[in-house]
Amino acid sequence: APLALMYVSRWSSAEKAAEFAGIYARSLQKRYK
């Protein structure tokens, strides 16, 4: 089976957390077919 991952990160503010979450979401299109 594919490697499963859990990743947790904390940020200076909710806005910065949401910004990182958006970047991570955008990365999915490049990381998966």
PDB file of all heavy atoms in Angstrom:
ATOM      1  N   ALA A   1       0.851  -1.205   0.000  1.00  0.00           N
ATOM      2  CA  ALA A   1       0.000   0.000   0.000  1.00  0.00           C
ATOM      3  C   ALA A   1       0.884   1.250   0.000  1.00  0.00           C
ATOM      4  O   ALA A   1       2.026   1.220   0.462  1.00  0.00           O
ATOM      5  CB  ALA A   1      -0.903   0.003   1.222  1.00  0.00           C
ATOM      6  N   PRO A   2       0.347   2.356  -0.494  1.00  0.00           N
ATOM      7  CA  PRO A   2       1.104   3.615  -0.461  1.00  0.00           C
ATOM      8  C   PRO A   2       1.442   3.997   0.981  1.00  0.00           C
ATOM      9  O   PRO A   2       0.701   3.668   1.910  1.00  0.00           O
ATOM     10  CB  PRO A   2       0.143   4.645  -1.063  1.00  0.00           C
ATOM     11  CG  PRO A   2      -0.881   3.849  -1.784  1.00  0.00           C
ATOM     12  CD  PRO A   2      -0.962   2.520  -1.104  1.00  0.00           C
ATOM     13  N   LEU A   3       2.530   4.674   1.138  1.00  0.00           N
ATOM     14  CA  LEU A   3       2.932   5.179   2.441  1.00  0.00           C
ATOM     15  C   LEU A   3       1.888   6.183   2.923  1.00  0.00           C
ATOM     16  O   LEU A   3       1.481   7.078   2.182  1.00  0.00           O
ATOM     17  CB  LEU A   3       4.300   5.857   2.319  1.00  0.00           C
ATOM     18  CG  LEU A   3       5.050   6.158   3.602  1.00  0.00           C
ATOM     19  CD1 LEU A   3       5.349   4.886   4.379  1.00  0.00           C
ATOM     20  CD2 LEU A   3       6.352   6.881   3.277  1.00  0.00           C
ATOM     21  N   ALA A   4       1.441   6.010   4.152  1.00  0.00           N
ATOM     22  CA  ALA A   4       0.459   6.923   4.742  1.00  0.00           C
ATOM     23  C   ALA A   4       1.201   7.949   5.594  1.00  0.00           C
ATOM     24  O   ALA A   4       2.260   7.646   6.154  1.00  0.00           O
ATOM     25  CB  ALA A   4      -0.533   6.136   5.589  1.00  0.00           C
ATOM     26  N   LEU A   5       0.634   9.145   5.702  1.00  0.00           N
ATOM     27  CA  LEU A   5       1.310  10.226   6.402  1.00  0.00           C
ATOM     28  C   LEU A   5       0.334  11.043   7.220  1.00  0.00           C
ATOM     29  O   LEU A   5      -0.774  11.343   6.768  1.00  0.00           O
ATOM     30  CB  LEU A   5       1.975  11.157   5.371  1.00  0.00           C
ATOM     31  CG  LEU A   5       2.572  12.460   5.893  1.00  0.00           C
ATOM     32  CD1 LEU A   5       3.865  12.190   6.658  1.00  0.00           C
ATOM     33  CD2 LEU A   5       2.818  13.425   4.754  1.00  0.00           C
ATOM     34  N   MET A   6       0.768  11.402   8.413  1.00  0.00           N
ATOM     35  CA  MET A   6       0.077  12.399   9.222  1.00  0.00           C
ATOM     36  C   MET A   6       1.109  13.494   9.476  1.00  0.00           C
ATOM     37  O   MET A   6       2.247  13.208   9.840  1.00  0.00           O
ATOM     38  CB  MET A   6      -0.363  11.818  10.564  1.00  0.00           C
ATOM     39  CG  MET A   6      -1.018  12.890  11.424  1.00  0.00           C
ATOM     40  SD  MET A   6      -0.704  12.788  13.209  1.00  0.00           S
ATOM     41  CE  MET A   6       1.037  12.769  13.332  1.00  0.00           C
ATOM     42  N   TYR A   7       0.723  14.735   9.227  1.00  0.00           N
ATOM     43  CA  TYR A   7       1.616  15.868   9.467  1.00  0.00           C
ATOM     44  C   TYR A   7       0.829  16.948  10.191  1.00  0.00           C
ATOM     45  O   TYR A   7      -0.277  17.292   9.777  1.00  0.00           O
ATOM     46  CB  TYR A   7       2.189  16.402   8.152  1.00  0.00           C
ATOM     47  CG  TYR A   7       2.959  17.697   8.303  1.00  0.00           C
ATOM     48  CD1 TYR A   7       4.002  17.813   9.214  1.00  0.00           C
ATOM     49  CD2 TYR A   7       2.627  18.816   7.557  1.00  0.00           C
ATOM     50  CE1 TYR A   7       4.700  19.011   9.372  1.00  0.00           C
ATOM     51  CE2 TYR A   7       3.320  20.009   7.700  1.00  0.00           C
ATOM     52  CZ  TYR A   7       4.356  20.098   8.612  1.00  0.00           C
ATOM     53  OH  TYR A   7       5.039  21.279   8.773  1.00  0.00           O
ATOM     54  N   VAL A   8       1.394  17.462  11.274  1.00  0.00           N
ATOM     55  CA  VAL A   8       0.765  18.528  12.046  1.00  0.00           C
ATOM     56  C   VAL A   8       1.749  19.685  12.130  1.00  0.00           C
ATOM     57  O   VAL A   8       2.938  19.477  12.407  1.00  0.00           O
ATOM     58  CB  VAL A   8       0.398  18.048  13.474  1.00  0.00           C
ATOM     59  CG1 VAL A   8      -0.167  19.194  14.305  1.00  0.00           C
ATOM     60  CG2 VAL A   8      -0.582  16.894  13.415  1.00  0.00           C
ATOM     61  N   SER A   9       1.266  20.892  11.887  1.00  0.00           N
ATOM     62  CA  SER A   9       2.116  22.070  12.054  1.00  0.00           C
ATOM     63  C   SER A   9       1.345  23.178  12.757  1.00  0.00           C
ATOM     64  O   SER A   9       0.128  23.287  12.622  1.00  0.00           O
ATOM     65  CB  SER A   9       2.658  22.571  10.708  1.00  0.00           C
ATOM     66  OG  SER A   9       1.623  22.983   9.859  1.00  0.00           O
ATOM     67  N   ARG A  10       2.079  23.960  13.516  1.00  0.00           N
ATOM     68  CA  ARG A  10       1.487  25.094  14.230  1.00  0.00           C
ATOM     69  C   ARG A  10       2.127  26.366  13.692  1.00  0.00           C
ATOM     70  O   ARG A  10       3.304  26.389  13.352  1.00  0.00           O
ATOM     71  CB  ARG A  10       1.730  24.970  15.733  1.00  0.00           C
ATOM     72  CG  ARG A  10       0.861  25.906  16.545  1.00  0.00           C
ATOM     73  CD  ARG A  10       0.851  25.527  18.017  1.00  0.00           C
ATOM     74  NE  ARG A  10       2.172  25.363  18.569  1.00  0.00           N
ATOM     75  CZ  ARG A  10       2.857  26.320  19.199  1.00  0.00           C
ATOM     76  NH1 ARG A  10       2.323  27.497  19.388  1.00  0.00           N
ATOM     77  NH2 ARG A  10       4.060  26.086  19.655  1.00  0.00           N
ATOM     78  N   TRP A  11       1.345  27.452  13.656  1.00  0.00           N
ATOM     79  CA  TRP A  11       1.760  28.702  13.035  1.00  0.00           C
ATOM     80  C   TRP A  11       1.548  29.871  13.982  1.00  0.00           C
ATOM     81  O   TRP A  11       0.854  29.743  14.992  1.00  0.00           O
ATOM     82  CB  TRP A  11       0.993  28.892  11.717  1.00  0.00           C
ATOM     83  CG  TRP A  11       1.379  27.801  10.772  1.00  0.00           C
ATOM     84  CD1 TRP A  11       0.829  26.547  10.693  1.00  0.00           C
ATOM     85  CD2 TRP A  11       2.471  27.814   9.867  1.00  0.00           C
ATOM     86  NE1 TRP A  11       1.512  25.789   9.774  1.00  0.00           N
ATOM     87  CE2 TRP A  11       2.524  26.549   9.247  1.00  0.00           C
ATOM     88  CE3 TRP A  11       3.412  28.777   9.506  1.00  0.00           C
ATOM     89  CZ2 TRP A  11       3.485  26.212   8.288  1.00  0.00           C
ATOM     90  CZ3 TRP A  11       4.361  28.459   8.542  1.00  0.00           C
ATOM     91  CH2 TRP A  11       4.398  27.193   7.948  1.00  0.00           C
ATOM     92  N   SER A  12       2.100  31.019  13.646  1.00  0.00           N
ATOM     93  CA  SER A  12       2.011  32.211  14.499  1.00  0.00           C
ATOM     94  C   SER A  12       0.585  32.751  14.599  1.00  0.00           C
ATOM     95  O   SER A  12       0.257  33.470  15.534  1.00  0.00           O
ATOM     96  CB  SER A  12       2.939  33.309  13.981  1.00  0.00           C
ATOM     97  OG  SER A  12       2.535  33.723  12.685  1.00  0.00           O
ATOM     98  N   SER A  13      -0.269  32.410  13.626  1.00  0.00           N
ATOM     99  CA  SER A  13      -1.654  32.895  13.619  1.00  0.00           C
ATOM    100  C   SER A  13      -2.512  31.967  12.778  1.00  0.00           C
ATOM    101  O   SER A  13      -1.992  31.161  11.994  1.00  0.00           O
ATOM    102  CB  SER A  13      -1.727  34.308  13.036  1.00  0.00           C
ATOM    103  OG  SER A  13      -1.420  34.274  11.647  1.00  0.00           O
ATOM    104  N   ALA A  14      -3.811  32.112  12.906  1.00  0.00           N
ATOM    105  CA  ALA A  14      -4.749  31.331  12.097  1.00  0.00           C
ATOM    106  C   ALA A  14      -4.574  31.673  10.614  1.00  0.00           C
ATOM    107  O   ALA A  14      -4.675  30.794   9.754  1.00  0.00           O
ATOM    108  CB  ALA A  14      -6.178  31.602  12.547  1.00  0.00           C
ATOM    109  N   GLU A  15      -4.309  32.932  10.308  1.00  0.00           N
ATOM    110  CA  GLU A  15      -4.129  33.333   8.912  1.00  0.00           C
ATOM    111  C   GLU A  15      -2.923  32.642   8.290  1.00  0.00           C
ATOM    112  O   GLU A  15      -2.988  32.173   7.149  1.00  0.00           O
ATOM    113  CB  GLU A  15      -3.964  34.849   8.811  1.00  0.00           C
ATOM    114  CG  GLU A  15      -3.777  35.311   7.378  1.00  0.00           C
ATOM    115  CD  GLU A  15      -3.548  36.813   7.256  1.00  0.00           C
ATOM    116  OE1 GLU A  15      -3.795  37.547   8.227  1.00  0.00           O
ATOM    117  OE2 GLU A  15      -3.117  37.229   6.184  1.00  0.00           O
ATOM    118  N   LYS A  16      -1.818  32.557   9.028  1.00  0.00           N
ATOM    119  CA  LYS A  16      -0.609  31.901   8.498  1.00  0.00           C
ATOM    120  C   LYS A  16      -0.844  30.402   8.356  1.00  0.00           C
ATOM    121  O   LYS A  16      -0.359  29.781   7.411  1.00  0.00           O
ATOM    122  CB  LYS A  16       0.605  32.175   9.380  1.00  0.00           C
ATOM    123  CG  LYS A  16       0.981  33.640   9.427  1.00  0.00           C
ATOM    124  CD  LYS A  16       1.248  34.207   8.049  1.00  0.00           C
ATOM    125  CE  LYS A  16       1.549  35.688   8.099  1.00  0.00           C
ATOM    126  NZ  LYS A  16       1.652  36.294   6.773  1.00  0.00           N
ATOM    127  N   ALA A  17      -1.603  29.804   9.283  1.00  0.00           N
ATOM    128  CA  ALA A  17      -1.944  28.388   9.169  1.00  0.00           C
ATOM    129  C   ALA A  17      -2.767  28.151   7.907  1.00  0.00           C
ATOM    130  O   ALA A  17      -2.506  27.214   7.149  1.00  0.00           O
ATOM    131  CB  ALA A  17      -2.706  27.923  10.406  1.00  0.00           C
ATOM    132  N   ALA A  18      -3.751  29.006   7.653  1.00  0.00           N
ATOM    133  CA  ALA A  18      -4.598  28.879   6.469  1.00  0.00           C
ATOM    134  C   ALA A  18      -3.790  29.103   5.190  1.00  0.00           C
ATOM    135  O   ALA A  18      -4.051  28.465   4.164  1.00  0.00           O
ATOM    136  CB  ALA A  18      -5.763  29.863   6.542  1.00  0.00           C
ATOM    137  N   GLU A  19      -2.806  29.976   5.256  1.00  0.00           N
ATOM    138  CA  GLU A  19      -1.942  30.223   4.097  1.00  0.00           C
ATOM    139  C   GLU A  19      -1.123  28.969   3.789  1.00  0.00           C
ATOM    140  O   GLU A  19      -1.040  28.527   2.644  1.00  0.00           O
ATOM    141  CB  GLU A  19      -1.023  31.412   4.413  1.00  0.00           C
ATOM    142  CG  GLU A  19      -0.345  32.000   3.222  1.00  0.00           C
ATOM    143  CD  GLU A  19       0.376  33.301   3.558  1.00  0.00           C
ATOM    144  OE1 GLU A  19      -0.028  34.035   4.479  1.00  0.00           O
ATOM    145  OE2 GLU A  19       1.375  33.572   2.867  1.00  0.00           O
ATOM    146  N   PHE A  20      -0.531  28.375   4.838  1.00  0.00           N
ATOM    147  CA  PHE A  20       0.232  27.140   4.635  1.00  0.00           C
ATOM    148  C   PHE A  20      -0.675  26.026   4.126  1.00  0.00           C
ATOM    149  O   PHE A  20      -0.306  25.287   3.201  1.00  0.00           O
ATOM    150  CB  PHE A  20       0.933  26.707   5.928  1.00  0.00           C
ATOM    151  CG  PHE A  20       1.636  25.389   5.769  1.00  0.00           C
ATOM    152  CD1 PHE A  20       2.843  25.306   5.092  1.00  0.00           C
ATOM    153  CD2 PHE A  20       1.063  24.226   6.260  1.00  0.00           C
ATOM    154  CE1 PHE A  20       3.472  24.078   4.916  1.00  0.00           C
ATOM    155  CE2 PHE A  20       1.692  23.002   6.099  1.00  0.00           C
ATOM    156  CZ  PHE A  20       2.902  22.928   5.427  1.00  0.00           C
ATOM    157  N   ALA A  21      -1.867  25.887   4.692  1.00  0.00           N
ATOM    158  CA  ALA A  21      -2.815  24.859   4.258  1.00  0.00           C
ATOM    159  C   ALA A  21      -3.139  25.033   2.779  1.00  0.00           C
ATOM    160  O   ALA A  21      -3.230  24.056   2.029  1.00  0.00           O
ATOM    161  CB  ALA A  21      -4.089  24.904   5.103  1.00  0.00           C
ATOM    162  N   GLY A  22      -3.297  26.272   2.333  1.00  0.00           N
ATOM    163  CA  GLY A  22      -3.565  26.543   0.921  1.00  0.00           C
ATOM    164  C   GLY A  22      -2.411  26.132   0.024  1.00  0.00           C
ATOM    165  O   GLY A  22      -2.615  25.571  -1.052  1.00  0.00           O
ATOM    166  N   ILE A  23      -1.192  26.397   0.464  1.00  0.00           N
ATOM    167  CA  ILE A  23      -0.004  26.002  -0.309  1.00  0.00           C
ATOM    168  C   ILE A  23       0.088  24.483  -0.366  1.00  0.00           C
ATOM    169  O   ILE A  23       0.358  23.900  -1.424  1.00  0.00           O
ATOM    170  CB  ILE A  23       1.267  26.625   0.296  1.00  0.00           C
ATOM    171  CG1 ILE A  23       1.250  28.138   0.081  1.00  0.00           C
ATOM    172  CG2 ILE A  23       2.523  26.001  -0.295  1.00  0.00           C
ATOM    173  CD1 ILE A  23       2.265  28.904   0.907  1.00  0.00           C
ATOM    174  N   TYR A  24      -0.142  23.831   0.765  1.00  0.00           N
ATOM    175  CA  TYR A  24      -0.092  22.367   0.796  1.00  0.00           C
ATOM    176  C   TYR A  24      -1.151  21.787  -0.140  1.00  0.00           C
ATOM    177  O   TYR A  24      -0.888  20.852  -0.902  1.00  0.00           O
ATOM    178  CB  TYR A  24      -0.282  21.850   2.224  1.00  0.00           C
ATOM    179  CG  TYR A  24       0.245  20.452   2.410  1.00  0.00           C
ATOM    180  CD1 TYR A  24       1.495  20.227   2.961  1.00  0.00           C
ATOM    181  CD2 TYR A  24      -0.515  19.353   2.023  1.00  0.00           C
ATOM    182  CE1 TYR A  24       1.986  18.935   3.128  1.00  0.00           C
ATOM    183  CE2 TYR A  24      -0.032  18.067   2.186  1.00  0.00           C
ATOM    184  CZ  TYR A  24       1.209  17.862   2.729  1.00  0.00           C
ATOM    185  OH  TYR A  24       1.699  16.583   2.880  1.00  0.00           O
ATOM    186  N   ALA A  25      -2.348  22.356  -0.117  1.00  0.00           N
ATOM    187  CA  ALA A  25      -3.423  21.888  -1.001  1.00  0.00           C
ATOM    188  C   ALA A  25      -3.031  22.050  -2.471  1.00  0.00           C
ATOM    189  O   ALA A  25      -3.257  21.147  -3.286  1.00  0.00           O
ATOM    190  CB  ALA A  25      -4.715  22.640  -0.704  1.00  0.00           C
ATOM    191  N   ARG A  26      -2.433  23.184  -2.788  1.00  0.00           N
ATOM    192  CA  ARG A  26      -2.006  23.431  -4.174  1.00  0.00           C
ATOM    193  C   ARG A  26      -0.934  22.421  -4.607  1.00  0.00           C
ATOM    194  O   ARG A  26      -0.865  22.037  -5.769  1.00  0.00           O
ATOM    195  CB  ARG A  26      -1.493  24.863  -4.291  1.00  0.00           C
ATOM    196  CG  ARG A  26      -1.244  25.290  -5.717  1.00  0.00           C
ATOM    197  CD  ARG A  26      -0.976  26.757  -5.839  1.00  0.00           C
ATOM    198  NE  ARG A  26      -0.013  27.236  -4.854  1.00  0.00           N
ATOM    199  CZ  ARG A  26       0.263  28.489  -4.631  1.00  0.00           C
ATOM    200  NH1 ARG A  26      -0.360  29.427  -5.312  1.00  0.00           N
ATOM    201  NH2 ARG A  26       1.152  28.853  -3.731  1.00  0.00           N
ATOM    202  N   SER A  27      -0.116  21.950  -3.666  1.00  0.00           N
ATOM    203  CA  SER A  27       0.950  20.999  -3.990  1.00  0.00           C
ATOM    204  C   SER A  27       0.401  19.646  -4.431  1.00  0.00           C
ATOM    205  O   SER A  27       1.079  18.900  -5.130  1.00  0.00           O
ATOM    206  CB  SER A  27       1.883  20.805  -2.790  1.00  0.00           C
ATOM    207  OG  SER A  27       1.344  19.907  -1.838  1.00  0.00           O
ATOM    208  N   LEU A  28      -0.826  19.321  -4.034  1.00  0.00           N
ATOM    209  CA  LEU A  28      -1.390  18.017  -4.368  1.00  0.00           C
ATOM    210  C   LEU A  28      -1.478  17.804  -5.875  1.00  0.00           C
ATOM    211  O   LEU A  28      -1.274  16.694  -6.365  1.00  0.00           O
ATOM    212  CB  LEU A  28      -2.776  17.849  -3.732  1.00  0.00           C
ATOM    213  CG  LEU A  28      -2.834  17.936  -2.206  1.00  0.00           C
ATOM    214  CD1 LEU A  28      -4.277  17.810  -1.721  1.00  0.00           C
ATOM    215  CD2 LEU A  28      -1.935  16.903  -1.548  1.00  0.00           C
ATOM    216  N   GLN A  29      -1.772  18.862  -6.616  1.00  0.00           N
ATOM    217  CA  GLN A  29      -1.872  18.752  -8.075  1.00  0.00           C
ATOM    218  C   GLN A  29      -0.528  18.402  -8.708  1.00  0.00           C
ATOM    219  O   GLN A  29      -0.492  17.801  -9.781  1.00  0.00           O
ATOM    220  CB  GLN A  29      -2.410  20.056  -8.676  1.00  0.00           C
ATOM    221  CG  GLN A  29      -3.800  20.424  -8.213  1.00  0.00           C
ATOM    222  CD  GLN A  29      -4.836  19.348  -8.501  1.00  0.00           C
ATOM    223  OE1 GLN A  29      -4.817  18.684  -9.522  1.00  0.00           O
ATOM    224  NE2 GLN A  29      -5.749  19.151  -7.563  1.00  0.00           N
ATOM    225  N   LYS A  30       0.558  18.760  -8.060  1.00  0.00           N
ATOM    226  CA  LYS A  30       1.897  18.453  -8.578  1.00  0.00           C
ATOM    227  C   LYS A  30       2.406  17.107  -8.077  1.00  0.00           C
ATOM    228  O   LYS A  30       3.218  16.467  -8.737  1.00  0.00           O
ATOM    229  CB  LYS A  30       2.882  19.557  -8.168  1.00  0.00           C
ATOM    230  CG  LYS A  30       2.550  20.895  -8.784  1.00  0.00           C
ATOM    231  CD  LYS A  30       3.504  21.960  -8.324  1.00  0.00           C
ATOM    232  CE  LYS A  30       3.138  23.305  -8.920  1.00  0.00           C
ATOM    233  NZ  LYS A  30       4.008  24.368  -8.459  1.00  0.00           N
ATOM    234  N   ARG A  31       1.926  16.674  -6.930  1.00  0.00           N
ATOM    235  CA  ARG A  31       2.428  15.454  -6.308  1.00  0.00           C
ATOM    236  C   ARG A  31       1.664  14.195  -6.704  1.00  0.00           C
ATOM    237  O   ARG A  31       2.180  13.091  -6.564  1.00  0.00           O
ATOM    238  CB  ARG A  31       2.416  15.613  -4.789  1.00  0.00           C
ATOM    239  CG  ARG A  31       3.380  16.700  -4.336  1.00  0.00           C
ATOM    240  CD  ARG A  31       3.386  16.946  -2.840  1.00  0.00           C
ATOM    241  NE  ARG A  31       3.202  15.730  -2.082  1.00  0.00           N
ATOM    242  CZ  ARG A  31       2.236  15.568  -1.165  1.00  0.00           C
ATOM    243  NH1 ARG A  31       1.383  16.531  -0.900  1.00  0.00           N
ATOM    244  NH2 ARG A  31       2.145  14.448  -0.508  1.00  0.00           N
ATOM    245  N   TYR A  32       0.440  14.370  -7.156  1.00  0.00           N
ATOM    246  CA  TYR A  32      -0.387  13.226  -7.549  1.00  0.00           C
ATOM    247  C   TYR A  32      -0.810  13.367  -8.998  1.00  0.00           C
ATOM    248  O   TYR A  32      -0.990  14.477  -9.497  1.00  0.00           O
ATOM    249  CB  TYR A  32      -1.645  13.149  -6.670  1.00  0.00           C
ATOM    250  CG  TYR A  32      -1.364  12.785  -5.229  1.00  0.00           C
ATOM    251  CD1 TYR A  32      -1.288  13.765  -4.242  1.00  0.00           C
ATOM    252  CD2 TYR A  32      -1.158  11.465  -4.862  1.00  0.00           C
ATOM    253  CE1 TYR A  32      -1.026  13.435  -2.923  1.00  0.00           C
ATOM    254  CE2 TYR A  32      -0.896  11.118  -3.536  1.00  0.00           C
ATOM    255  CZ  TYR A  32      -0.827  12.109  -2.577  1.00  0.00           C
ATOM    256  OH  TYR A  32      -0.567  11.777  -1.280  1.00  0.00           O
ATOM    257  N   LYS A  33      -1.002  12.229  -9.663  1.00  0.00           N
ATOM    258  CA  LYS A  33      -1.501  12.263 -11.043  1.00  0.00           C
ATOM    259  C   LYS A  33      -2.926  12.787 -11.070  1.00  0.00           C
ATOM    260  O   LYS A  33      -3.330  13.471 -11.993  1.00  0.00           O
ATOM    261  CB  LYS A  33      -1.457  10.859 -11.661  1.00  0.00           C
ATOM    262  CG  LYS A  33      -0.059  10.347 -11.896  1.00  0.00           C
ATOM    263  CD  LYS A  33      -0.082   8.926 -12.425  1.00  0.00           C
ATOM    264  CE  LYS A  33       1.345   8.401 -12.504  1.00  0.00           C
ATOM    265  NZ  LYS A  33       1.369   6.964 -12.722  1.00  0.00           N
TER     266      LYS A  33
END
